[in-house]
Amino acid sequence: MENAEKFLAKTAKLLESQGETIDNKPQSEEEMLISYILPGMENSKEILSGIYSQKTRSRKGILGRIKGFLHQKLINIVINVIERPMLKQQKFNDLTYKAIEILSKRKK
């Protein structure tokens, strides 16, 4: 516990030297939702973009074409296996984001 207090004191001193302060006041649950969870969920909207960005590089020759063909088949298999659960997760993330956003706007 003593180390944590020393660390916080050093951090506060560093921030003060840069003209900033530590805000230790407790936030309400609504403020925390708006400050942290909504931006995080907004950034998670494009969760599937990573699996579609995989491309095979073009290779020359018969062996290169076979390798490219097999590589593309493996990519397609992985996409087919991962896609359905990730689509469900993305839909859940989108609906949760919209619900939290609507509730926070109603409360204001």
Protein backbone atom coordinates (compact mmCIF):
# COMPACT_ATOMS: atom_id res chain seq x y z
CA MET A 1 0.00 0.00 0.00
CA GLU A 2 2.87 2.31 0.75
CA ASN A 3 4.29 1.87 -2.76
CA ALA A 4 0.95 2.80 -4.32
CA GLU A 5 0.80 6.02 -2.31
CA LYS A 6 4.37 6.89 -3.29
CA PHE A 7 3.54 6.22 -6.92
CA LEU A 8 0.45 8.44 -6.76
CA ALA A 9 2.45 11.20 -5.09
CA LYS A 10 5.12 11.03 -7.81
CA THR A 11 2.46 11.01 -10.50
CA ALA A 12 0.72 14.02 -8.97
CA LYS A 13 4.03 15.87 -8.77
CA LEU A 14 4.82 15.10 -12.41
CA LEU A 15 1.37 16.23 -13.54
CA GLU A 16 1.65 19.43 -11.54
CA SER A 17 4.96 20.20 -13.23
CA GLN A 18 3.14 19.91 -16.58
CA GLY A 19 0.23 22.07 -15.45
CA GLU A 20 -2.22 19.21 -14.89
CA THR A 21 -3.89 17.85 -11.77
CA ILE A 22 -5.25 14.49 -10.64
CA ASP A 23 -9.01 14.52 -10.34
CA ASN A 24 -9.79 12.18 -7.44
CA LYS A 25 -13.47 13.00 -7.11
CA PRO A 26 -15.70 9.96 -7.58
CA GLN A 27 -17.68 9.87 -10.80
CA SER A 28 -21.26 8.78 -11.06
CA GLU A 29 -22.09 5.62 -12.97
CA GLU A 30 -23.61 7.70 -15.77
CA GLU A 31 -20.46 9.81 -16.12
CA MET A 32 -18.34 6.66 -16.24
CA LEU A 33 -20.59 5.17 -18.94
CA ILE A 34 -20.36 8.29 -21.06
CA SER A 35 -16.62 8.81 -20.48
CA TYR A 36 -15.30 5.27 -20.83
CA ILE A 37 -17.76 2.65 -22.02
CA LEU A 38 -19.46 4.49 -24.88
CA PRO A 39 -16.19 5.49 -26.61
CA GLY A 40 -14.86 1.96 -26.18
CA MET A 41 -17.97 0.41 -27.63
CA GLU A 42 -18.01 2.88 -30.49
CA ASN A 43 -14.47 1.83 -31.37
CA SER A 44 -15.47 -1.85 -31.33
CA LYS A 45 -18.04 -1.44 -34.12
CA GLU A 46 -15.69 -2.68 -36.82
CA ILE A 47 -14.69 -5.87 -35.05
CA LEU A 48 -14.78 -7.95 -38.25
CA SER A 49 -12.56 -5.75 -40.39
CA GLY A 50 -9.43 -7.62 -39.32
CA ILE A 51 -10.48 -10.99 -40.67
CA TYR A 52 -11.39 -9.59 -44.08
CA SER A 53 -8.11 -7.75 -44.52
CA GLN A 54 -6.09 -10.92 -45.10
CA LYS A 55 -4.82 -11.12 -48.66
CA THR A 56 -2.57 -13.60 -50.39
CA ARG A 57 0.42 -12.26 -52.20
CA SER A 58 0.75 -13.19 -55.83
CA ARG A 59 3.37 -15.80 -56.56
CA LYS A 60 4.90 -16.85 -59.83
CA GLY A 61 5.15 -20.33 -61.22
CA ILE A 62 3.12 -23.47 -60.72
CA LEU A 63 4.19 -24.02 -57.09
CA GLY A 64 3.55 -20.38 -56.30
CA ARG A 65 0.04 -20.57 -57.69
CA ILE A 66 -0.66 -23.76 -55.74
CA LYS A 67 0.65 -22.15 -52.55
CA GLY A 68 -1.46 -19.06 -53.19
CA PHE A 69 -4.54 -21.18 -53.88
CA LEU A 70 -4.06 -23.20 -50.68
CA HIS A 71 -3.37 -20.07 -48.68
CA GLN A 72 -6.57 -18.43 -49.94
CA LYS A 73 -8.55 -21.62 -49.13
CA LEU A 74 -7.18 -21.56 -45.57
CA ILE A 75 -8.11 -17.89 -45.22
CA ASN A 76 -11.65 -18.64 -46.41
CA ILE A 77 -12.00 -21.55 -43.97
CA VAL A 78 -10.85 -19.40 -41.06
CA ILE A 79 -13.23 -16.61 -42.06
CA ASN A 80 -16.14 -19.05 -42.30
CA VAL A 81 -15.39 -20.52 -38.88
CA ILE A 82 -14.90 -17.18 -37.11
CA GLU A 83 -17.46 -15.05 -38.91
CA ARG A 84 -20.75 -16.27 -37.40
CA PRO A 85 -19.83 -15.93 -33.71
CA MET A 86 -18.15 -12.59 -34.37
CA LEU A 87 -21.22 -11.31 -36.23
CA LYS A 88 -23.34 -12.18 -33.19
CA GLN A 89 -20.88 -10.40 -30.92
CA GLN A 90 -20.78 -7.34 -33.15
CA LYS A 91 -24.58 -7.20 -33.25
CA PHE A 92 -24.68 -7.44 -29.46
CA ASN A 93 -22.07 -4.67 -29.16
CA ASP A 94 -24.04 -2.41 -31.52
CA LEU A 95 -27.33 -2.96 -29.70
CA THR A 96 -25.73 -2.42 -26.30
CA TYR A 97 -24.05 0.76 -27.52
CA LYS A 98 -27.32 2.12 -28.87
CA ALA A 99 -29.20 1.23 -25.66
CA ILE A 100 -26.63 2.93 -23.43
CA GLU A 101 -26.53 5.97 -25.72
CA ILE A 102 -30.34 6.32 -25.69
CA LEU A 103 -30.54 5.88 -21.92
CA SER A 104 -27.84 8.46 -21.30
CA LYS A 105 -29.59 10.97 -23.58
CA ARG A 106 -32.94 10.40 -21.84
CA LYS A 107 -31.42 10.97 -18.44
CA LYS A 108 -30.00 14.40 -19.40
